[in-house]
N, C-alpha and C. Protein backbone atom coordinates (compact mmCIF):
# COMPACT_ATOMS: atom_id res chain seq x y z
N VAL A 1 126.38 94.43 110.50
CA VAL A 1 125.01 94.89 110.41
C VAL A 1 124.72 95.56 111.37
N PRO A 2 124.78 96.92 110.42
CA PRO A 2 124.71 98.39 111.79
C PRO A 2 123.49 98.14 112.23
N LYS A 3 124.22 99.20 113.99
CA LYS A 3 122.99 98.74 114.86
C LYS A 3 121.50 99.23 114.54
N GLY A 4 121.40 100.26 113.90
CA GLY A 4 119.87 100.76 113.31
C GLY A 4 119.27 99.11 112.75
N LEU A 5 120.04 98.97 111.92
CA LEU A 5 119.49 97.92 111.70
C LEU A 5 118.87 96.63 111.97
N GLY A 6 119.52 96.06 112.91
CA GLY A 6 120.15 94.88 113.28
C GLY A 6 118.30 95.32 114.70
N LEU A 7 118.46 96.40 114.47
CA LEU A 7 117.03 96.78 116.10
C LEU A 7 115.84 96.56 115.32
N LYS A 8 116.23 97.84 113.95
CA LYS A 8 114.54 97.10 113.28
C LYS A 8 113.80 95.71 112.61
N ALA A 9 115.54 94.80 112.90
CA ALA A 9 115.13 93.80 112.77
C ALA A 9 114.39 92.89 112.88
N ASP A 10 114.80 93.18 114.86
CA ASP A 10 115.42 92.53 115.93
C ASP A 10 113.81 92.77 116.14
N ALA A 11 113.29 94.38 116.16
CA ALA A 11 111.75 94.76 116.45
C ALA A 11 110.37 93.84 115.75
N TYR A 12 111.37 93.80 114.28
CA TYR A 12 109.78 93.62 113.19
C TYR A 12 109.57 91.71 113.86
N GLU A 13 110.86 90.81 114.16
CA GLU A 13 110.71 89.28 114.23
C GLU A 13 109.52 89.57 116.03
N ASP A 14 110.09 90.41 115.92
CA ASP A 14 108.64 90.56 117.65
C ASP A 14 107.46 91.16 117.10
N VAL A 15 107.25 91.68 116.78
CA VAL A 15 105.74 92.14 115.99
C VAL A 15 105.71 90.95 115.70
N THR A 16 106.15 90.40 115.13
CA THR A 16 106.07 89.29 113.83
C THR A 16 105.22 88.11 115.27
N ARG A 17 106.20 87.53 116.55
CA ARG A 17 106.26 86.53 116.85
C ARG A 17 104.72 86.80 117.53
N TRP A 18 104.84 88.60 118.26
CA TRP A 18 103.96 88.96 119.26
C TRP A 18 102.77 89.56 119.88
N ARG A 19 102.64 90.43 118.24
CA ARG A 19 102.00 91.54 118.26
C ARG A 19 100.67 91.49 117.36
N GLU A 20 99.66 92.68 117.11
CA GLU A 20 98.94 92.31 115.64
C GLU A 20 99.85 92.66 114.33
N LEU A 21 99.42 91.83 113.20
CA LEU A 21 99.90 91.12 112.09
C LEU A 21 99.84 92.63 111.90
N SER A 22 98.62 93.34 111.62
CA SER A 22 98.92 94.65 110.38
C SER A 22 99.79 95.68 110.98
N LYS A 23 100.95 95.63 112.33
CA LYS A 23 101.89 97.11 111.97
C LYS A 23 102.83 96.23 111.91
N LEU A 24 103.17 94.73 111.75
CA LEU A 24 104.06 94.75 110.08
C LEU A 24 104.02 95.58 109.51
N TYR A 25 103.04 96.33 108.62
CA TYR A 25 102.77 97.57 106.93
C TYR A 25 103.73 98.58 108.03
N ALA A 26 103.79 98.99 109.51
CA ALA A 26 104.15 100.15 109.82
C ALA A 26 106.52 100.18 109.38
N PHE A 27 106.47 99.27 108.77
CA PHE A 27 107.96 99.03 109.23
C PHE A 27 108.55 99.23 107.85
N MET A 28 106.93 99.57 106.95
CA MET A 28 107.15 100.13 105.36
C MET A 28 107.73 101.34 105.72
N ALA A 29 108.47 102.19 104.25
CA ALA A 29 108.37 103.24 103.90
C ALA A 29 107.11 104.23 103.93
N PRO A 30 106.82 105.42 104.00
CA PRO A 30 105.77 106.29 103.98
C PRO A 30 105.46 105.85 102.46
N GLY A 31 104.33 105.76 102.49
CA GLY A 31 103.48 105.75 101.40
C GLY A 31 103.61 104.84 100.26
N LYS A 32 104.37 103.56 100.91
CA LYS A 32 104.30 102.21 99.39
C LYS A 32 102.93 101.83 100.17
N VAL A 33 102.46 101.12 101.57
CA VAL A 33 101.48 100.71 101.20
C VAL A 33 100.38 100.47 100.95
N SER A 34 99.96 99.68 99.63
CA SER A 34 99.03 99.69 98.71
C SER A 34 97.26 99.70 99.89
N GLU A 35 97.64 98.28 101.35
CA GLU A 35 96.83 97.63 101.55
C GLU A 35 96.94 96.91 102.39
N ILE A 36 96.26 96.39 103.57
CA ILE A 36 96.45 95.46 104.48
C ILE A 36 95.35 94.92 104.73
N PRO A 37 96.07 93.63 104.54
CA PRO A 37 94.23 92.52 104.32
C PRO A 37 93.74 92.31 105.72
N GLN A 38 92.97 91.86 104.94
CA GLN A 38 91.67 91.59 106.07
C GLN A 38 92.66 89.89 106.44
N GLY A 39 91.52 89.53 107.73
CA GLY A 39 91.87 88.65 108.52
C GLY A 39 93.31 88.70 109.26
N LEU A 40 94.27 89.34 109.10
CA LEU A 40 95.55 88.97 110.25
C LEU A 40 95.35 88.92 111.59
N ASP A 41 94.15 89.01 112.01
CA ASP A 41 93.73 88.47 113.90
C ASP A 41 93.35 87.45 113.61
N ARG A 42 93.04 86.81 112.32
CA ARG A 42 92.93 85.11 112.38
C ARG A 42 94.76 84.32 112.53
N VAL A 43 95.69 84.69 111.81
CA VAL A 43 96.74 83.69 112.10
C VAL A 43 98.01 84.14 113.20
N ARG A 44 97.69 83.51 114.51
CA ARG A 44 98.61 83.24 115.05
C ARG A 44 99.96 82.67 115.19
N VAL A 45 101.46 83.45 115.15
CA VAL A 45 102.62 82.62 114.01
C VAL A 45 103.14 81.65 116.24
N THR A 46 103.28 80.93 115.53
CA THR A 46 104.09 79.61 116.12
C THR A 46 105.17 79.38 116.32
N HIS A 47 106.38 80.01 115.54
CA HIS A 47 107.36 79.38 115.51
C HIS A 47 108.19 81.03 114.18
N TYR A 48 109.18 81.39 114.51
CA TYR A 48 109.92 82.42 113.46
C TYR A 48 111.27 82.26 113.69
N GLU A 49 111.93 82.16 112.53
CA GLU A 49 113.43 81.83 112.46
C GLU A 49 114.34 82.10 111.39
N SER A 50 115.77 83.57 111.51
CA SER A 50 115.94 83.89 110.41
C SER A 50 117.31 83.80 110.21
N SER A 51 117.76 83.97 108.81
CA SER A 51 118.74 83.15 108.15
C SER A 51 120.35 84.67 108.50
N GLY A 52 119.46 85.42 109.59
CA GLY A 52 120.57 86.29 109.86
C GLY A 52 120.72 87.61 108.20
N LEU A 53 120.74 88.40 108.42
CA LEU A 53 121.13 89.50 107.76
C LEU A 53 122.56 89.76 106.76
N ARG A 54 122.20 90.36 105.73
CA ARG A 54 123.11 89.71 104.70
C ARG A 54 123.09 91.25 103.84
N GLN A 55 124.56 91.71 103.49
CA GLN A 55 124.89 92.91 102.64
C GLN A 55 123.70 92.31 101.55
N THR A 56 123.47 93.07 100.92
CA THR A 56 124.06 92.40 99.30
C THR A 56 123.47 94.48 97.84
N GLY A 57 124.01 94.79 99.19
CA GLY A 57 124.29 96.74 98.13
C GLY A 57 124.59 97.43 99.69
N PRO A 58 124.90 98.33 98.77
CA PRO A 58 125.29 100.01 99.92
C PRO A 58 123.28 99.90 100.15
N TRP A 59 124.02 100.18 101.46
CA TRP A 59 122.82 100.10 102.18
C TRP A 59 121.15 99.96 102.07
N ARG A 60 122.21 98.80 101.69
CA ARG A 60 120.54 97.07 101.28
C ARG A 60 121.41 96.04 101.69
N TRP A 61 120.06 95.82 103.21
CA TRP A 61 120.40 93.74 103.53
C TRP A 61 119.34 93.16 103.24
N GLU A 62 119.74 91.71 103.30
CA GLU A 62 118.52 90.85 103.40
C GLU A 62 118.41 90.56 103.92
N GLN A 63 116.83 89.43 104.31
CA GLN A 63 117.08 88.43 105.14
C GLN A 63 116.40 87.27 105.03
N THR A 64 116.41 86.16 105.07
CA THR A 64 114.84 85.06 104.97
C THR A 64 114.64 84.51 106.32
N ALA A 65 113.21 84.51 106.37
CA ALA A 65 112.66 84.25 107.99
C ALA A 65 112.14 82.89 107.65
N VAL A 66 111.67 81.71 108.42
CA VAL A 66 110.81 81.05 108.03
C VAL A 66 109.17 81.01 109.00
N ILE A 67 108.60 80.78 108.97
CA ILE A 67 107.06 81.12 109.57
C ILE A 67 106.02 80.42 109.73
N ASP A 68 106.09 79.66 111.17
CA ASP A 68 104.68 78.82 111.47
C ASP A 68 104.03 79.57 112.02
N TYR A 69 102.79 79.09 111.39
CA TYR A 69 101.29 79.60 112.30
C TYR A 69 100.60 78.46 112.04
N VAL A 70 99.13 79.27 112.77
CA VAL A 70 98.06 79.05 112.84
C VAL A 70 97.01 79.93 112.62
N LEU A 71 96.14 79.15 111.80
CA LEU A 71 95.24 80.25 110.90
C LEU A 71 93.90 79.81 112.18
N THR A 72 93.84 80.56 113.37
CA THR A 72 93.37 79.92 114.56
C THR A 72 91.02 79.45 113.77
N ASP A 73 90.57 80.19 112.81
CA ASP A 73 89.12 79.69 112.73
C ASP A 73 89.46 78.46 112.13
N ARG A 74 89.95 77.95 111.70
CA ARG A 74 89.84 76.69 110.96
C ARG A 74 91.49 75.89 111.50
N GLN A 75 91.61 76.38 112.90
CA GLN A 75 93.54 75.22 113.55
C GLN A 75 94.21 74.35 112.15
N VAL A 76 94.59 75.21 111.68
CA VAL A 76 95.38 75.26 110.23
C VAL A 76 96.99 75.15 110.26
N VAL A 77 97.60 74.03 110.44
CA VAL A 77 98.89 75.10 110.48
C VAL A 77 99.41 75.04 109.19
N LYS A 78 100.17 76.43 109.17
CA LYS A 78 100.80 76.58 107.71
C LYS A 78 102.26 76.87 107.88
N ARG A 79 102.84 77.03 106.79
CA ARG A 79 104.26 77.75 106.86
C ARG A 79 104.61 78.99 105.34
N VAL A 80 105.53 80.12 105.60
CA VAL A 80 105.18 80.73 104.52
C VAL A 80 107.29 80.94 104.92
N VAL A 81 107.84 81.53 103.68
CA VAL A 81 108.51 81.42 103.59
C VAL A 81 109.06 83.57 103.59
N ASP A 82 109.37 84.66 104.34
CA ASP A 82 109.45 85.18 104.46
C ASP A 82 110.88 86.39 103.80
N HIS A 83 110.68 87.20 102.72
CA HIS A 83 112.40 87.25 101.77
C HIS A 83 112.33 88.50 102.73
N GLN A 84 113.25 89.58 103.15
CA GLN A 84 112.96 90.81 103.63
C GLN A 84 113.66 90.97 102.63
N ILE A 85 113.71 92.71 101.73
CA ILE A 85 114.48 93.46 102.01
C ILE A 85 114.76 94.93 102.44
N TRP A 86 115.69 95.53 103.39
CA TRP A 86 115.79 96.28 103.81
C TRP A 86 116.44 97.56 103.44
N VAL A 87 116.37 99.09 103.14
CA VAL A 87 117.22 99.52 102.77
C VAL A 87 116.99 100.91 103.12
N SER A 88 118.14 101.55 103.68
CA SER A 88 118.25 103.09 104.04
C SER A 88 118.88 104.13 102.89
N GLU A 89 117.41 104.57 102.80
CA GLU A 89 117.90 106.20 101.74
C GLU A 89 118.96 107.43 102.23
N ASP A 90 118.90 107.00 103.84
CA ASP A 90 119.93 107.87 104.73
C ASP A 90 120.84 107.71 105.45
N GLU A 91 121.95 106.89 104.37
CA GLU A 91 123.13 106.48 105.47
C GLU A 91 123.05 105.86 106.90
N GLY A 92 122.25 105.79 106.87
CA GLY A 92 122.14 104.79 108.01
C GLY A 92 121.40 104.79 108.69
N LYS A 93 120.61 106.26 108.32
CA LYS A 93 119.86 106.79 110.09
C LYS A 93 118.28 106.04 110.35
N THR A 94 118.17 105.90 108.56
CA THR A 94 116.23 105.42 109.04
C THR A 94 116.72 103.54 108.16
N TRP A 95 115.56 102.44 108.05
CA TRP A 95 115.88 101.31 107.59
C TRP A 95 113.88 100.88 107.33
N TYR A 96 114.47 101.12 105.86
CA TYR A 96 112.79 100.52 106.11
C TYR A 96 112.78 98.85 105.48
N ARG A 97 112.11 98.03 105.31
CA ARG A 97 111.23 97.83 104.84
C ARG A 97 110.35 97.50 102.42
N GLU A 98 111.66 96.95 101.91
CA GLU A 98 111.38 97.48 101.21
C GLU A 98 110.49 96.61 100.06
N ASN A 99 110.19 95.61 100.20
CA ASN A 99 108.41 94.68 100.35
C ASN A 99 108.29 93.88 100.93
N PRO A 100 106.97 94.11 100.26
CA PRO A 100 105.88 93.42 101.85
C PRO A 100 106.03 92.41 102.18
N PRO A 101 106.06 92.73 103.43
CA PRO A 101 105.08 91.13 104.30
C PRO A 101 104.54 90.08 103.87
N PRO A 102 105.03 89.12 104.01
CA PRO A 102 104.69 87.90 103.56
C PRO A 102 103.14 87.67 103.56
N ASP A 103 102.59 86.96 102.69
CA ASP A 103 100.83 86.85 102.55
C ASP A 103 100.19 85.56 103.21
N PHE A 104 100.19 85.93 103.68
CA PHE A 104 99.53 84.84 105.48
C PHE A 104 98.52 83.96 104.59
N PHE A 105 97.63 84.34 103.75
CA PHE A 105 96.41 83.40 102.59
C PHE A 105 97.29 82.49 101.58
N GLN A 106 97.71 82.47 101.69
CA GLN A 106 98.10 81.42 99.61
C GLN A 106 97.88 80.07 99.92
């Protein structure tokens, strides 16, 4: 795993677990974010487990994370599977998430 990507994926996990979830959209390529969903402040992540990064092409890596969370306004426990696609267009200098973060309100 390229060092920069490993650091980026670790930071993404940290934000998912401990920070404001709207910050997940900062991991996407500039201009790729259409709209940040409302209500992410009502989501509390309780568990994050990833499969580990695997290369799927030149400068393209993927991983899957299972995220357990609670909707705090209803005390409902839920789970979402987050299929992450990470790409670099500058030979590994910067890494961005190609697909959007998971939908916590499905």
